[in-house]
């Protein structure tokens, strides 16, 4: 007789998703997995996914950009769900000194400047209205 096992899936926190990016995984994939987990988690349990702060990004500009993006994502998701964003998202090291446009080309910059949600703009990130989509 076959034995069945039941496993309970545990959604990953934003901290663990960012840790995957720090470890060399494509940040888009790690962030996309976190977004999937956020959406699959009941709304009354979502705050637990973002309570732990993400690790410091260090000096690497590419990782600093993604740290800011993860922080902006958390702030935007919390705002959309009516959840207080955790205080760690407001740390100064999650703001970029130089603008980061996720879509190359001058022709799209005006659109990105207008359509990017405020939590991303505040961090000098311009990704347009698709900021919270899996890419």
C-alpha atoms as a PDB file:
ATOM      1  CA  UNK A   1       0.000   0.000   0.000  1.00  0.00           C
ATOM      2  CA  UNK A   2       1.393   3.386  -1.001  1.00  0.00           C
ATOM      3  CA  UNK A   3       2.038   5.866   1.721  1.00  0.00           C
ATOM      4  CA  UNK A   4       0.989   9.453   1.110  1.00  0.00           C
ATOM      5  CA  UNK A   5       2.651  12.373   2.709  1.00  0.00           C
ATOM      6  CA  UNK A   6       1.202  15.777   3.027  1.00  0.00           C
ATOM      7  CA  UNK A   7       3.507  18.724   3.075  1.00  0.00           C
ATOM      8  CA  UNK A   8       2.476  22.197   3.958  1.00  0.00           C
ATOM      9  CA  UNK A   9       4.032  24.784   1.718  1.00  0.00           C
ATOM     10  CA  UNK A  10       5.633  27.685   3.557  1.00  0.00           C
ATOM     11  CA  UNK A  11       5.801  30.905   1.533  1.00  0.00           C
ATOM     12  CA  UNK A  12       9.191  32.555   1.394  1.00  0.00           C
ATOM     13  CA  UNK A  13       9.790  35.885   3.085  1.00  0.00           C
ATOM     14  CA  UNK A  14      11.175  38.880   1.236  1.00  0.00           C
ATOM     15  CA  UNK A  15      14.355  38.503   3.307  1.00  0.00           C
ATOM     16  CA  UNK A  16      14.905  34.958   2.055  1.00  0.00           C
ATOM     17  CA  UNK A  17      14.114  35.998  -1.530  1.00  0.00           C
ATOM     18  CA  UNK A  18      16.686  38.794  -1.365  1.00  0.00           C
ATOM     19  CA  UNK A  19      19.197  36.406   0.189  1.00  0.00           C
ATOM     20  CA  UNK A  20      18.851  34.256  -2.932  1.00  0.00           C
ATOM     21  CA  UNK A  21      19.681  37.322  -5.059  1.00  0.00           C
ATOM     22  CA  UNK A  22      22.681  38.109  -2.855  1.00  0.00           C
ATOM     23  CA  UNK A  23      23.821  34.537  -3.382  1.00  0.00           C
ATOM     24  CA  UNK A  24      23.939  34.986  -7.139  1.00  0.00           C
ATOM     25  CA  UNK A  25      20.468  33.971  -8.278  1.00  0.00           C
ATOM     26  CA  UNK A  26      18.809  36.227 -10.835  1.00  0.00           C
ATOM     27  CA  UNK A  27      17.095  38.940  -8.715  1.00  0.00           C
ATOM     28  CA  UNK A  28      14.121  38.998 -11.098  1.00  0.00           C
ATOM     29  CA  UNK A  29      13.466  35.323 -10.426  1.00  0.00           C
ATOM     30  CA  UNK A  30      13.853  35.666  -6.648  1.00  0.00           C
ATOM     31  CA  UNK A  31      11.568  38.709  -6.599  1.00  0.00           C
ATOM     32  CA  UNK A  32       9.050  37.012  -8.872  1.00  0.00           C
ATOM     33  CA  UNK A  33       8.912  34.010  -6.561  1.00  0.00           C
ATOM     34  CA  UNK A  34       8.311  36.329  -3.605  1.00  0.00           C
ATOM     35  CA  UNK A  35       5.494  38.080  -5.513  1.00  0.00           C
ATOM     36  CA  UNK A  36       3.914  34.698  -6.240  1.00  0.00           C
ATOM     37  CA  UNK A  37       4.134  33.748  -2.568  1.00  0.00           C
ATOM     38  CA  UNK A  38       2.660  37.102  -1.497  1.00  0.00           C
ATOM     39  CA  UNK A  39      -0.337  36.600  -3.763  1.00  0.00           C
ATOM     40  CA  UNK A  40      -0.880  33.002  -2.632  1.00  0.00           C
ATOM     41  CA  UNK A  41      -0.702  33.908   1.056  1.00  0.00           C
ATOM     42  CA  UNK A  42      -3.961  34.875   2.763  1.00  0.00           C
ATOM     43  CA  UNK A  43      -4.090  38.643   3.216  1.00  0.00           C
ATOM     44  CA  UNK A  44      -4.166  38.390   7.006  1.00  0.00           C
ATOM     45  CA  UNK A  45      -0.831  36.505   6.976  1.00  0.00           C
ATOM     46  CA  UNK A  46       1.080  38.625   4.451  1.00  0.00           C
ATOM     47  CA  UNK A  47       2.657  41.037   6.948  1.00  0.00           C
ATOM     48  CA  UNK A  48       4.698  38.125   8.315  1.00  0.00           C
ATOM     49  CA  UNK A  49       6.403  37.792   4.912  1.00  0.00           C
ATOM     50  CA  UNK A  50       7.928  41.276   5.143  1.00  0.00           C
ATOM     51  CA  UNK A  51       8.625  41.825   8.830  1.00  0.00           C
ATOM     52  CA  UNK A  52      12.248  40.653   8.639  1.00  0.00           C
ATOM     53  CA  UNK A  53      14.465  43.216   6.876  1.00  0.00           C
ATOM     54  CA  UNK A  54      16.458  42.280   3.845  1.00  0.00           C
ATOM     55  CA  UNK A  55      20.231  42.025   4.288  1.00  0.00           C
ATOM     56  CA  UNK A  56      22.544  44.910   3.535  1.00  0.00           C
ATOM     57  CA  UNK A  57      23.457  45.088  -0.130  1.00  0.00           C
ATOM     58  CA  UNK A  58      27.040  46.214   0.283  1.00  0.00           C
ATOM     59  CA  UNK A  59      28.863  48.302  -2.298  1.00  0.00           C
ATOM     60  CA  UNK A  60      27.922  46.480  -5.505  1.00  0.00           C
ATOM     61  CA  UNK A  61      25.673  48.886  -7.431  1.00  0.00           C
ATOM     62  CA  UNK A  62      23.660  46.121  -9.070  1.00  0.00           C
ATOM     63  CA  UNK A  63      22.802  44.601  -5.686  1.00  0.00           C
ATOM     64  CA  UNK A  64      22.108  48.039  -4.159  1.00  0.00           C
ATOM     65  CA  UNK A  65      19.623  48.657  -6.988  1.00  0.00           C
ATOM     66  CA  UNK A  66      17.863  45.400  -6.314  1.00  0.00           C
ATOM     67  CA  UNK A  67      17.775  46.037  -2.559  1.00  0.00           C
ATOM     68  CA  UNK A  68      16.024  49.338  -3.264  1.00  0.00           C
ATOM     69  CA  UNK A  69      13.660  47.568  -5.658  1.00  0.00           C
ATOM     70  CA  UNK A  70      12.792  44.915  -3.062  1.00  0.00           C
ATOM     71  CA  UNK A  71      12.125  47.637  -0.449  1.00  0.00           C
ATOM     72  CA  UNK A  72       9.921  49.574  -2.877  1.00  0.00           C
ATOM     73  CA  UNK A  73       8.052  46.373  -3.728  1.00  0.00           C
ATOM     74  CA  UNK A  74       7.325  45.697  -0.066  1.00  0.00           C
ATOM     75  CA  UNK A  75       6.124  49.262   0.483  1.00  0.00           C
ATOM     76  CA  UNK A  76       3.857  49.132  -2.579  1.00  0.00           C
ATOM     77  CA  UNK A  77       2.409  45.699  -1.754  1.00  0.00           C
ATOM     78  CA  UNK A  78       1.655  46.774   1.807  1.00  0.00           C
ATOM     79  CA  UNK A  79      -0.023  49.972   0.600  1.00  0.00           C
ATOM     80  CA  UNK A  80      -2.185  48.051  -1.861  1.00  0.00           C
ATOM     81  CA  UNK A  81      -3.261  45.633   0.871  1.00  0.00           C
ATOM     82  CA  UNK A  82      -3.808  48.260   3.578  1.00  0.00           C
ATOM     83  CA  UNK A  83      -0.961  46.881   5.699  1.00  0.00           C
ATOM     84  CA  UNK A  84       1.514  49.114   7.510  1.00  0.00           C
ATOM     85  CA  UNK A  85       4.860  48.738   5.759  1.00  0.00           C
ATOM     86  CA  UNK A  86       7.671  47.664   8.077  1.00  0.00           C
ATOM     87  CA  UNK A  87       9.992  50.466   9.163  1.00  0.00           C
ATOM     88  CA  UNK A  88      13.066  48.923   7.557  1.00  0.00           C
ATOM     89  CA  UNK A  89      11.831  49.895   4.053  1.00  0.00           C
ATOM     90  CA  UNK A  90      12.525  53.557   4.903  1.00  0.00           C
ATOM     91  CA  UNK A  91      16.253  53.105   5.472  1.00  0.00           C
ATOM     92  CA  UNK A  92      18.372  55.523   3.478  1.00  0.00           C
ATOM     93  CA  UNK A  93      20.440  52.743   1.939  1.00  0.00           C
ATOM     94  CA  UNK A  94      17.344  51.706  -0.040  1.00  0.00           C
ATOM     95  CA  UNK A  95      17.466  54.961  -2.022  1.00  0.00           C
ATOM     96  CA  UNK A  96      19.615  55.240  -5.117  1.00  0.00           C
ATOM     97  CA  UNK A  97      21.810  58.244  -5.831  1.00  0.00           C
ATOM     98  CA  UNK A  98      21.397  57.872  -9.599  1.00  0.00           C
ATOM     99  CA  UNK A  99      18.145  57.131 -11.451  1.00  0.00           C
ATOM    100  CA  UNK A 100      17.717  53.520 -12.512  1.00  0.00           C
ATOM    101  CA  UNK A 101      15.530  52.923 -15.552  1.00  0.00           C
ATOM    102  CA  UNK A 102      14.677  49.254 -15.941  1.00  0.00           C
ATOM    103  CA  UNK A 103      13.787  49.698 -19.586  1.00  0.00           C
ATOM    104  CA  UNK A 104      16.563  50.997 -21.794  1.00  0.00           C
ATOM    105  CA  UNK A 105      16.038  53.761 -24.305  1.00  0.00           C
ATOM    106  CA  UNK A 106      15.327  57.432 -24.093  1.00  0.00           C
ATOM    107  CA  UNK A 107      12.002  57.120 -25.913  1.00  0.00           C
ATOM    108  CA  UNK A 108      10.388  55.307 -22.956  1.00  0.00           C
ATOM    109  CA  UNK A 109      11.791  57.431 -20.151  1.00  0.00           C
ATOM    110  CA  UNK A 110       8.905  59.916 -20.143  1.00  0.00           C
ATOM    111  CA  UNK A 111       6.409  57.059 -19.839  1.00  0.00           C
ATOM    112  CA  UNK A 112       8.398  55.465 -17.016  1.00  0.00           C
ATOM    113  CA  UNK A 113       8.686  58.777 -15.165  1.00  0.00           C
ATOM    114  CA  UNK A 114       4.907  59.171 -15.214  1.00  0.00           C
ATOM    115  CA  UNK A 115       3.734  55.585 -14.722  1.00  0.00           C
ATOM    116  CA  UNK A 116       6.078  54.300 -11.995  1.00  0.00           C
ATOM    117  CA  UNK A 117       4.426  53.932  -8.560  1.00  0.00           C
ATOM    118  CA  UNK A 118       5.541  56.407  -5.875  1.00  0.00           C
ATOM    119  CA  UNK A 119       7.471  53.942  -3.644  1.00  0.00           C
ATOM    120  CA  UNK A 120       9.749  53.231  -6.599  1.00  0.00           C
ATOM    121  CA  UNK A 121      10.095  56.866  -7.689  1.00  0.00           C
ATOM    122  CA  UNK A 122      10.998  57.849  -4.142  1.00  0.00           C
ATOM    123  CA  UNK A 123      13.951  55.475  -4.407  1.00  0.00           C
ATOM    124  CA  UNK A 124      14.997  56.771  -7.852  1.00  0.00           C
ATOM    125  CA  UNK A 125      13.762  53.614  -9.627  1.00  0.00           C
ATOM    126  CA  UNK A 126      11.716  53.886 -12.815  1.00  0.00           C
ATOM    127  CA  UNK A 127      10.081  50.661 -13.888  1.00  0.00           C
ATOM    128  CA  UNK A 128       6.663  51.787 -15.065  1.00  0.00           C
ATOM    129  CA  UNK A 129       3.319  50.387 -14.072  1.00  0.00           C
ATOM    130  CA  UNK A 130       4.601  46.819 -14.365  1.00  0.00           C
ATOM    131  CA  UNK A 131       6.647  47.242 -11.174  1.00  0.00           C
ATOM    132  CA  UNK A 132       4.822  44.413  -9.415  1.00  0.00           C
ATOM    133  CA  UNK A 133       4.682  41.910 -12.247  1.00  0.00           C
ATOM    134  CA  UNK A 134       6.825  38.862 -12.656  1.00  0.00           C
ATOM    135  CA  UNK A 135       9.381  39.538 -15.356  1.00  0.00           C
END
